[in-house]
Each structure stands twice: as C-alpha cells, then as structure tokens.
Amino acid sequence: MSPLIFSLSLLAISLHSCTLTLGQNSASAPAPSGPTNITKILEKAGQFTTFIRLLKTTQAGDQINTQLNNSKQGMTVFAPTDNAFSSLEAGTLNTLSSQQQVQLVQFHVLPSFISTSQFQTVSNPLRTQAGDTSPGDFPLNVTTSGNQVNVSTGIVDATVSNTIYTDGELAVYQVDKVLQPMSIFASPSPATAPSPAPATLNLKKKSPAAALSPSSGSDDAPPADKSGADRLNGVVVLVIGAFWFVFWL
C-alpha cells in the first residue's frame, strides 16, 4: 500500500469518528423546556406588577398554570398594565373582598385559546373564568375594527394593545384598562319608594236591630214622610167640624 493511500484511509477513519462524536453530543443536549407559568411570562414582559400580585394573592395564577399543564383546553388572558391599575380610584382594590378579588382576576381569563384573528368571529358575550355571562353579572364583549380588538364589560371599554405571549394553547394580551365586571363595579340602582296604600273609607258598621230602630238617630236613615199624616189630620178635623155643625142645627 502506497503512503498516499494509507494517509487517505487514516483521514477517512478520523472524519467518521468525529461525525459520530458530534452526533452523540447533539442528541444528548435536550431542548430547554418546562411547564407554562403565567406569572413568569408577565414578569419577563415587565409593567404587570399589580396584576402579578393579584394572581399570586388570589392563587388564580396557580389555577391557570395547573389547567394549562394538565389539559389541552387552552386559555386566553387579558393582562392590564400597571398604568391601567393606577387609573382606578385610589383604594379600589382594597375595598374589594377576597372573593371579589378572585372574581376580578378570573374576569380577565377566558377558558379557551383565542388568537387575534379569531376575535373577529367569536360570539358575544364571551364566557370568562368568573362565571355567568347574563346581564348584570360577568358579560364580556369583543369587537374588532381592522386589526384593533376592543373589549367591553358594560362599564369600561379596553383596547388590546399588544400580544405578550402565544403558543397555540395560551394567549396573553396586554390591555390598557382594568376589565371591571358589572357584578362588582356597577352602581346599585336606587331603591324605589313603596307605593302609597289606597285610601279606605271609615264606615261604621251597624247591627240590623240598630238599623231598623226608629230611635237610633242615625243620620243615614231617610227622613220620615209626614204628608200622609197631615192629610189624615185634616180629614179628622173636617169630620168633627161637620158633626158639630149638624148637632147645633
């Protein structure tokens, strides 16, 4: 064997060995993966400190993560920015009960994945994690104008200003206002005054005996008819006068 052929053979064997080694190293390096975590997504995006705090204190964030990682149903989250929360009246969140805070967070979560293009064909009102969509409770309506998506609660109209995250199962959209459900933030209707009771006549009840008694003195009894008695007295007087007239003759 010539030195050239021997050198080429060694080179081929060396290249084959390097190829096998590189293939084994790339196969053993797994791609980064992990369970979906809504709070980490928002933390990475920034400007969602208040919403993250609500997700944690109400434990709604853990519920979202559990549902996402244990089912294929998908979810959609409307995330208000810190500026959106700062536009609320001071102390608004503190006036809410623990249950109302949970409902407020759940009102920002849809139990299905909705892409930006699907907003144009969804049927209103949308059902949220907060529950009922009947008027006065938790109705959420979406309208579109070109590429703009607007979300209405009956109290506020918010705009989807950015897509924070989407992977086909979870969609997180930035909204410029806190979505306020009517069940929590609607002003109570003024109480209507009760209608006055109908006036009643104060009629005195009389016993049948009192009604028939001539001495009852009731003003309701009709006046006695004296015309017949007067005619009788006149006749008597005439008869007596005629009798005396004849007697003296």
C-alpha atoms as a PDB file:
ATOM      1  CA  MET A   1       0.000   0.000   0.000  1.00  0.00           C
ATOM      2  CA  SER A   2       1.357   3.379  -1.040  1.00  0.00           C
ATOM      3  CA  PRO A   3       1.896   6.052   1.622  1.00  0.00           C
ATOM      4  CA  LEU A   4      -0.757   8.249  -0.086  1.00  0.00           C
ATOM      5  CA  ILE A   5      -3.479   5.622   0.072  1.00  0.00           C
ATOM      6  CA  PHE A   6      -2.597   4.842   3.695  1.00  0.00           C
ATOM      7  CA  SER A   7      -2.836   8.531   4.655  1.00  0.00           C
ATOM      8  CA  LEU A   8      -6.206   8.929   2.935  1.00  0.00           C
ATOM      9  CA  SER A   9      -7.526   5.878   4.785  1.00  0.00           C
ATOM     10  CA  LEU A  10      -6.472   7.290   8.157  1.00  0.00           C
ATOM     11  CA  LEU A  11      -8.090  10.635   7.276  1.00  0.00           C
ATOM     12  CA  ALA A  12     -11.391   8.974   6.357  1.00  0.00           C
ATOM     13  CA  ILE A  13     -11.439   6.971   9.617  1.00  0.00           C
ATOM     14  CA  SER A  14     -10.749  10.130  11.624  1.00  0.00           C
ATOM     15  CA  LEU A  15     -13.546  12.095   9.933  1.00  0.00           C
ATOM     16  CA  HIS A  16     -16.032   9.266  10.547  1.00  0.00           C
ATOM     17  CA  SER A  17     -15.125   9.150  14.243  1.00  0.00           C
ATOM     18  CA  CYS A  18     -15.624  12.931  14.595  1.00  0.00           C
ATOM     19  CA  THR A  19     -19.032  12.719  12.924  1.00  0.00           C
ATOM     20  CA  LEU A  20     -20.222  10.043  15.355  1.00  0.00           C
ATOM     21  CA  THR A  21     -18.980  12.038  18.359  1.00  0.00           C
ATOM     22  CA  LEU A  22     -20.730  15.253  17.271  1.00  0.00           C
ATOM     23  CA  GLY A  23     -23.989  13.391  16.605  1.00  0.00           C
ATOM     24  CA  GLN A  24     -23.961  11.813  20.055  1.00  0.00           C
ATOM     25  CA  ASN A  25     -23.283  15.193  21.787  1.00  0.00           C
ATOM     26  CA  SER A  26     -26.117  16.992  19.954  1.00  0.00           C
ATOM     27  CA  ALA A  27     -28.592  14.214  20.739  1.00  0.00           C
ATOM     28  CA  SER A  28     -27.813  14.296  24.462  1.00  0.00           C
ATOM     29  CA  ALA A  29     -28.424  18.044  24.799  1.00  0.00           C
ATOM     30  CA  PRO A  30     -32.211  18.355  25.374  1.00  0.00           C
ATOM     31  CA  ALA A  31     -34.055  21.481  24.268  1.00  0.00           C
ATOM     32  CA  PRO A  32     -34.980  23.821  27.162  1.00  0.00           C
ATOM     33  CA  SER A  33     -38.488  23.037  28.351  1.00  0.00           C
ATOM     34  CA  GLY A  34     -40.707  23.490  31.378  1.00  0.00           C
ATOM     35  CA  PRO A  35     -44.322  23.905  32.459  1.00  0.00           C
ATOM     36  CA  THR A  36     -46.129  27.048  31.376  1.00  0.00           C
ATOM     37  CA  ASN A  37     -46.144  29.695  34.075  1.00  0.00           C
ATOM     38  CA  ILE A  38     -48.303  32.790  33.599  1.00  0.00           C
ATOM     39  CA  THR A  39     -46.545  34.860  36.266  1.00  0.00           C
ATOM     40  CA  LYS A  40     -43.102  34.197  34.766  1.00  0.00           C
ATOM     41  CA  ILE A  41     -44.405  35.227  31.350  1.00  0.00           C
ATOM     42  CA  LEU A  42     -45.687  38.503  32.758  1.00  0.00           C
ATOM     43  CA  GLU A  43     -42.545  39.088  34.818  1.00  0.00           C
ATOM     44  CA  LYS A  44     -40.433  38.718  31.684  1.00  0.00           C
ATOM     45  CA  ALA A  45     -42.650  41.176  29.819  1.00  0.00           C
ATOM     46  CA  GLY A  46     -42.490  43.787  32.607  1.00  0.00           C
ATOM     47  CA  GLN A  47     -45.037  46.505  33.617  1.00  0.00           C
ATOM     48  CA  PHE A  48     -47.517  43.992  35.117  1.00  0.00           C
ATOM     49  CA  THR A  49     -46.542  44.144  38.794  1.00  0.00           C
ATOM     50  CA  THR A  50     -50.042  44.754  40.164  1.00  0.00           C
ATOM     51  CA  PHE A  51     -51.671  42.045  38.065  1.00  0.00           C
ATOM     52  CA  ILE A  52     -48.948  39.575  39.064  1.00  0.00           C
ATOM     53  CA  ARG A  53     -49.544  40.383  42.714  1.00  0.00           C
ATOM     54  CA  LEU A  54     -53.260  39.708  42.304  1.00  0.00           C
ATOM     55  CA  LEU A  55     -52.517  36.423  40.539  1.00  0.00           C
ATOM     56  CA  LYS A  56     -50.403  35.355  43.485  1.00  0.00           C
ATOM     57  CA  THR A  57     -52.554  36.584  46.390  1.00  0.00           C
ATOM     58  CA  THR A  58     -55.738  35.106  44.935  1.00  0.00           C
ATOM     59  CA  GLN A  59     -53.901  31.916  43.834  1.00  0.00           C
ATOM     60  CA  ALA A  60     -55.556  32.358  40.452  1.00  0.00           C
ATOM     61  CA  GLY A  61     -52.125  32.146  38.827  1.00  0.00           C
ATOM     62  CA  ASP A  62     -51.591  28.644  40.226  1.00  0.00           C
ATOM     63  CA  GLN A  63     -55.017  27.586  38.946  1.00  0.00           C
ATOM     64  CA  ILE A  64     -54.202  28.901  35.476  1.00  0.00           C
ATOM     65  CA  ASN A  65     -50.866  27.068  35.412  1.00  0.00           C
ATOM     66  CA  THR A  66     -52.490  23.826  36.607  1.00  0.00           C
ATOM     67  CA  GLN A  67     -55.184  23.953  33.942  1.00  0.00           C
ATOM     68  CA  LEU A  68     -52.706  24.797  31.207  1.00  0.00           C
ATOM     69  CA  ASN A  69     -50.327  21.978  32.089  1.00  0.00           C
ATOM     70  CA  ASN A  70     -52.989  19.317  32.766  1.00  0.00           C
ATOM     71  CA  SER A  71     -55.363  19.887  29.887  1.00  0.00           C
ATOM     72  CA  LYS A  72     -55.346  20.818  26.212  1.00  0.00           C
ATOM     73  CA  GLN A  73     -58.278  23.213  26.506  1.00  0.00           C
ATOM     74  CA  GLY A  74     -56.176  26.347  26.218  1.00  0.00           C
ATOM     75  CA  MET A  75     -56.671  29.766  27.811  1.00  0.00           C
ATOM     76  CA  THR A  76     -56.646  33.457  26.954  1.00  0.00           C
ATOM     77  CA  VAL A  77     -55.526  36.114  29.451  1.00  0.00           C
ATOM     78  CA  PHE A  78     -56.129  39.863  29.241  1.00  0.00           C
ATOM     79  CA  ALA A  79     -53.361  41.472  31.303  1.00  0.00           C
ATOM     80  CA  PRO A  80     -53.840  45.090  32.427  1.00  0.00           C
ATOM     81  CA  THR A  81     -50.668  47.129  32.774  1.00  0.00           C
ATOM     82  CA  ASP A  82     -49.619  48.921  35.952  1.00  0.00           C
ATOM     83  CA  ASN A  83     -50.760  52.174  34.328  1.00  0.00           C
ATOM     84  CA  ALA A  84     -54.205  50.644  33.852  1.00  0.00           C
ATOM     85  CA  PHE A  85     -54.450  49.858  37.563  1.00  0.00           C
ATOM     86  CA  SER A  86     -53.166  53.302  38.522  1.00  0.00           C
ATOM     87  CA  SER A  87     -56.074  54.868  36.628  1.00  0.00           C
ATOM     88  CA  LEU A  88     -58.528  53.301  39.100  1.00  0.00           C
ATOM     89  CA  GLU A  89     -59.714  55.370  42.024  1.00  0.00           C
ATOM     90  CA  ALA A  90     -57.333  55.223  44.967  1.00  0.00           C
ATOM     91  CA  GLY A  91     -58.044  52.279  47.255  1.00  0.00           C
ATOM     92  CA  THR A  92     -60.333  50.491  44.796  1.00  0.00           C
ATOM     93  CA  LEU A  93     -58.617  47.117  45.141  1.00  0.00           C
ATOM     94  CA  ASN A  94     -58.508  47.404  48.934  1.00  0.00           C
ATOM     95  CA  THR A  95     -62.271  47.866  49.094  1.00  0.00           C
ATOM     96  CA  LEU A  96     -62.858  44.521  47.376  1.00  0.00           C
ATOM     97  CA  SER A  97     -63.424  41.382  49.395  1.00  0.00           C
ATOM     98  CA  SER A  98     -61.216  38.339  48.857  1.00  0.00           C
ATOM     99  CA  GLN A  99     -63.912  36.710  46.740  1.00  0.00           C
ATOM    100  CA  GLN A 100     -64.323  39.834  44.612  1.00  0.00           C
ATOM    101  CA  GLN A 101     -60.571  39.998  44.005  1.00  0.00           C
ATOM    102  CA  VAL A 102     -60.640  36.394  42.791  1.00  0.00           C
ATOM    103  CA  GLN A 103     -63.584  37.205  40.513  1.00  0.00           C
ATOM    104  CA  LEU A 104     -61.788  40.280  39.192  1.00  0.00           C
ATOM    105  CA  VAL A 105     -58.748  38.235  38.160  1.00  0.00           C
ATOM    106  CA  GLN A 106     -60.882  35.429  36.730  1.00  0.00           C
ATOM    107  CA  PHE A 107     -62.811  38.005  34.692  1.00  0.00           C
ATOM    108  CA  HIS A 108     -59.577  38.613  32.758  1.00  0.00           C
ATOM    109  CA  VAL A 109     -59.249  34.926  31.816  1.00  0.00           C
ATOM    110  CA  LEU A 110     -61.111  33.085  29.047  1.00  0.00           C
ATOM    111  CA  PRO A 111     -61.280  29.269  29.349  1.00  0.00           C
ATOM    112  CA  SER A 112     -60.178  28.748  25.727  1.00  0.00           C
ATOM    113  CA  PHE A 113     -57.396  29.802  23.401  1.00  0.00           C
ATOM    114  CA  ILE A 114     -58.358  32.673  21.096  1.00  0.00           C
ATOM    115  CA  SER A 115     -55.940  34.039  18.533  1.00  0.00           C
ATOM    116  CA  THR A 116     -56.103  37.635  17.324  1.00  0.00           C
ATOM    117  CA  SER A 117     -57.754  36.545  14.083  1.00  0.00           C
ATOM    118  CA  GLN A 118     -60.389  34.520  15.954  1.00  0.00           C
ATOM    119  CA  PHE A 119     -61.603  37.636  17.782  1.00  0.00           C
ATOM    120  CA  GLN A 120     -63.280  38.666  14.532  1.00  0.00           C
ATOM    121  CA  THR A 121     -65.580  35.642  14.564  1.00  0.00           C
ATOM    122  CA  VAL A 122     -66.247  34.926  18.249  1.00  0.00           C
ATOM    123  CA  SER A 123     -69.808  35.039  19.569  1.00  0.00           C
ATOM    124  CA  ASN A 124     -70.623  37.560  22.278  1.00  0.00           C
ATOM    125  CA  PRO A 125     -70.846  37.603  25.197  1.00  0.00           C
ATOM    126  CA  LEU A 126     -67.662  35.673  25.925  1.00  0.00           C
ATOM    127  CA  ARG A 127     -67.617  33.395  28.952  1.00  0.00           C
ATOM    128  CA  THR A 128     -64.825  34.084  31.432  1.00  0.00           C
ATOM    129  CA  GLN A 129     -63.446  32.113  34.346  1.00  0.00           C
ATOM    130  CA  ALA A 130     -65.522  34.367  36.635  1.00  0.00           C
ATOM    131  CA  GLY A 131     -68.700  32.598  35.563  1.00  0.00           C
ATOM    132  CA  ASP A 132     -72.120  33.737  34.374  1.00  0.00           C
ATOM    133  CA  THR A 133     -72.495  35.876  31.229  1.00  0.00           C
ATOM    134  CA  SER A 134     -76.046  37.034  31.981  1.00  0.00           C
ATOM    135  CA  PRO A 135     -76.692  40.807  32.050  1.00  0.00           C
ATOM    136  CA  GLY A 136     -75.508  42.432  35.252  1.00  0.00           C
ATOM    137  CA  ASP A 137     -73.027  39.689  36.125  1.00  0.00           C
ATOM    138  CA  PHE A 138     -69.864  38.952  34.122  1.00  0.00           C
ATOM    139  CA  PRO A 139     -70.589  39.633  30.435  1.00  0.00           C
ATOM    140  CA  LEU A 140     -67.560  40.330  28.242  1.00  0.00           C
ATOM    141  CA  ASN A 141     -67.961  41.505  24.648  1.00  0.00           C
ATOM    142  CA  VAL A 142     -65.302  41.774  21.977  1.00  0.00           C
ATOM    143  CA  THR A 143     -65.461  43.923  18.861  1.00  0.00           C
ATOM    144  CA  THR A 144     -62.893  44.402  16.119  1.00  0.00           C
ATOM    145  CA  SER A 145     -62.101  47.222  13.736  1.00  0.00           C
ATOM    146  CA  GLY A 146     -59.469  46.162  11.255  1.00  0.00           C
ATOM    147  CA  ASN A 147     -56.585  44.851  13.356  1.00  0.00           C
ATOM    148  CA  GLN A 148     -57.780  46.578  16.529  1.00  0.00           C
ATOM    149  CA  VAL A 149     -59.517  44.488  19.192  1.00  0.00           C
ATOM    150  CA  ASN A 150     -61.742  46.194  21.779  1.00  0.00           C
ATOM    151  CA  VAL A 151     -63.065  44.563  24.943  1.00  0.00           C
ATOM    152  CA  SER A 152     -66.194  45.897  26.646  1.00  0.00           C
ATOM    153  CA  THR A 153     -67.521  44.996  30.087  1.00  0.00           C
ATOM    154  CA  GLY A 154     -70.545  47.292  30.200  1.00  0.00           C
ATOM    155  CA  ILE A 155     -68.578  49.677  32.419  1.00  0.00           C
ATOM    156  CA  VAL A 156     -65.264  50.184  30.584  1.00  0.00           C
ATOM    157  CA  ASP A 157     -64.051  49.764  27.007  1.00  0.00           C
ATOM    158  CA  ALA A 158     -60.473  48.498  26.819  1.00  0.00           C
ATOM    159  CA  THR A 159     -58.175  48.022  23.852  1.00  0.00           C
ATOM    160  CA  VAL A 160     -55.827  45.116  23.207  1.00  0.00           C
ATOM    161  CA  SER A 161     -52.576  46.979  22.656  1.00  0.00           C
ATOM    162  CA  ASN A 162     -50.072  44.128  22.369  1.00  0.00           C
ATOM    163  CA  THR A 163     -49.660  40.361  22.174  1.00  0.00           C
ATOM    164  CA  ILE A 164     -47.393  39.384  25.070  1.00  0.00           C
ATOM    165  CA  TYR A 165     -47.287  35.626  24.518  1.00  0.00           C
ATOM    166  CA  THR A 166     -48.891  32.948  22.370  1.00  0.00           C
ATOM    167  CA  ASP A 167     -48.049  29.310  21.812  1.00  0.00           C
ATOM    168  CA  GLY A 168     -51.269  27.801  20.456  1.00  0.00           C
ATOM    169  CA  GLU A 169     -52.547  26.890  23.930  1.00  0.00           C
ATOM    170  CA  LEU A 170     -52.052  30.116  25.882  1.00  0.00           C
ATOM    171  CA  ALA A 171     -52.551  33.634  24.584  1.00  0.00           C
ATOM    172  CA  VAL A 172     -51.687  36.633  26.769  1.00  0.00           C
ATOM    173  CA  TYR A 173     -52.799  40.071  25.563  1.00  0.00           C
ATOM    174  CA  GLN A 174     -51.961  43.456  27.042  1.00  0.00           C
ATOM    175  CA  VAL A 175     -54.982  45.697  27.680  1.00  0.00           C
ATOM    176  CA  ASP A 176     -54.919  49.392  28.534  1.00  0.00           C
ATOM    177  CA  LYS A 177     -57.678  49.273  31.162  1.00  0.00           C
ATOM    178  CA  VAL A 178     -58.703  47.032  34.032  1.00  0.00           C
ATOM    179  CA  LEU A 179     -61.718  44.991  32.962  1.00  0.00           C
ATOM    180  CA  GLN A 180     -64.362  45.872  35.541  1.00  0.00           C
ATOM    181  CA  PRO A 181     -67.270  43.411  35.769  1.00  0.00           C
ATOM    182  CA  MET A 182     -70.723  44.844  36.315  1.00  0.00           C
ATOM    183  CA  SER A 183     -71.399  42.423  39.171  1.00  0.00           C
ATOM    184  CA  ILE A 184     -68.682  44.156  41.238  1.00  0.00           C
ATOM    185  CA  PHE A 185     -68.356  47.727  39.963  1.00  0.00           C
ATOM    186  CA  ALA A 186     -71.840  48.667  38.728  1.00  0.00           C
ATOM    187  CA  SER A 187     -73.557  51.305  40.855  1.00  0.00           C
ATOM    188  CA  PRO A 188     -76.574  49.860  42.689  1.00  0.00           C
ATOM    189  CA  SER A 189     -79.888  51.077  41.343  1.00  0.00           C
ATOM    190  CA  PRO A 190     -81.735  53.460  43.689  1.00  0.00           C
ATOM    191  CA  ALA A 191     -84.367  51.770  45.813  1.00  0.00           C
ATOM    192  CA  THR A 192     -87.881  52.532  44.640  1.00  0.00           C
ATOM    193  CA  ALA A 193     -90.210  54.042  47.212  1.00  0.00           C
ATOM    194  CA  PRO A 194     -93.170  51.824  48.080  1.00  0.00           C
ATOM    195  CA  SER A 195     -96.433  52.977  46.515  1.00  0.00           C
ATOM    196  CA  PRO A 196     -98.904  54.514  48.991  1.00  0.00           C
ATOM    197  CA  ALA A 197    -101.677  52.281  50.226  1.00  0.00           C
ATOM    198  CA  PRO A 198    -105.110  53.054  48.715  1.00  0.00           C
ATOM    199  CA  ALA A 199    -107.327  55.256  50.878  1.00  0.00           C
ATOM    200  CA  THR A 200    -110.114  53.401  52.659  1.00  0.00           C
ATOM    201  CA  LEU A 201    -113.458  54.770  53.811  1.00  0.00           C
ATOM    202  CA  ASN A 202    -114.062  54.586  57.543  1.00  0.00           C
ATOM    203  CA  LEU A 203    -117.602  53.254  57.527  1.00  0.00           C
ATOM    204  CA  LYS A 204    -119.267  52.363  60.797  1.00  0.00           C
ATOM    205  CA  LYS A 205    -120.952  49.026  60.844  1.00  0.00           C
ATOM    206  CA  LYS A 206    -124.384  48.909  62.390  1.00  0.00           C
ATOM    207  CA  SER A 207    -126.296  45.979  63.701  1.00  0.00           C
ATOM    208  CA  PRO A 208    -129.528  45.097  61.885  1.00  0.00           C
ATOM    209  CA  ALA A 209    -131.516  45.970  65.038  1.00  0.00           C
ATOM    210  CA  ALA A 210    -129.990  49.431  65.242  1.00  0.00           C
ATOM    211  CA  ALA A 211    -130.632  50.000  61.567  1.00  0.00           C
ATOM    212  CA  LEU A 212    -134.337  49.166  61.983  1.00  0.00           C
ATOM    213  CA  SER A 213    -134.827  51.014  65.296  1.00  0.00           C
ATOM    214  CA  PRO A 214    -136.670  54.374  64.836  1.00  0.00           C
ATOM    215  CA  SER A 215    -134.789  55.780  67.848  1.00  0.00           C
ATOM    216  CA  SER A 216    -131.355  55.001  66.539  1.00  0.00           C
ATOM    217  CA  GLY A 217    -130.940  58.634  65.488  1.00  0.00           C
ATOM    218  CA  SER A 218    -128.811  57.627  62.545  1.00  0.00           C
ATOM    219  CA  ASP A 219    -128.137  60.290  60.017  1.00  0.00           C
ATOM    220  CA  ASP A 220    -128.217  57.580  57.380  1.00  0.00           C
ATOM    221  CA  ALA A 221    -131.931  56.888  57.941  1.00  0.00           C
ATOM    222  CA  PRO A 222    -134.188  58.695  55.431  1.00  0.00           C
ATOM    223  CA  PRO A 223    -136.468  61.409  56.834  1.00  0.00           C
ATOM    224  CA  ALA A 224    -139.977  60.247  57.734  1.00  0.00           C
ATOM    225  CA  ASP A 225    -142.771  61.012  55.197  1.00  0.00           C
ATOM    226  CA  LYS A 226    -145.229  63.373  57.024  1.00  0.00           C
ATOM    227  CA  SER A 227    -147.528  64.124  54.117  1.00  0.00           C
ATOM    228  CA  GLY A 228    -149.830  61.167  54.772  1.00  0.00           C
ATOM    229  CA  ALA A 229    -150.247  62.030  58.497  1.00  0.00           C
ATOM    230  CA  ASP A 230    -151.100  65.663  57.686  1.00  0.00           C
ATOM    231  CA  ARG A 231    -153.823  64.623  55.240  1.00  0.00           C
ATOM    232  CA  LEU A 232    -155.317  62.276  57.833  1.00  0.00           C
ATOM    233  CA  ASN A 233    -155.414  65.001  60.477  1.00  0.00           C
ATOM    234  CA  GLY A 234    -157.175  67.342  58.040  1.00  0.00           C
ATOM    235  CA  VAL A 235    -159.843  64.786  57.312  1.00  0.00           C
ATOM    236  CA  VAL A 236    -160.487  64.219  61.039  1.00  0.00           C
ATOM    237  CA  VAL A 237    -160.850  67.953  61.664  1.00  0.00           C
ATOM    238  CA  LEU A 238    -163.357  68.261  58.816  1.00  0.00           C
ATOM    239  CA  VAL A 239    -165.394  65.340  60.078  1.00  0.00           C
ATOM    240  CA  ILE A 240    -165.538  66.740  63.632  1.00  0.00           C
ATOM    241  CA  GLY A 241    -166.462  70.193  62.330  1.00  0.00           C
ATOM    242  CA  ALA A 242    -169.284  68.784  60.203  1.00  0.00           C
ATOM    243  CA  PHE A 243    -170.568  66.775  63.164  1.00  0.00           C
ATOM    244  CA  TRP A 244    -170.753  69.841  65.397  1.00  0.00           C
ATOM    245  CA  PHE A 245    -172.371  71.820  62.660  1.00  0.00           C
ATOM    246  CA  VAL A 246    -175.136  69.240  62.239  1.00  0.00           C
ATOM    247  CA  PHE A 247    -175.554  68.891  66.019  1.00  0.00           C
ATOM    248  CA  TRP A 248    -176.154  72.577  66.562  1.00  0.00           C
ATOM    249  CA  LEU A 249    -178.709  72.656  63.790  1.00  0.00           C
END
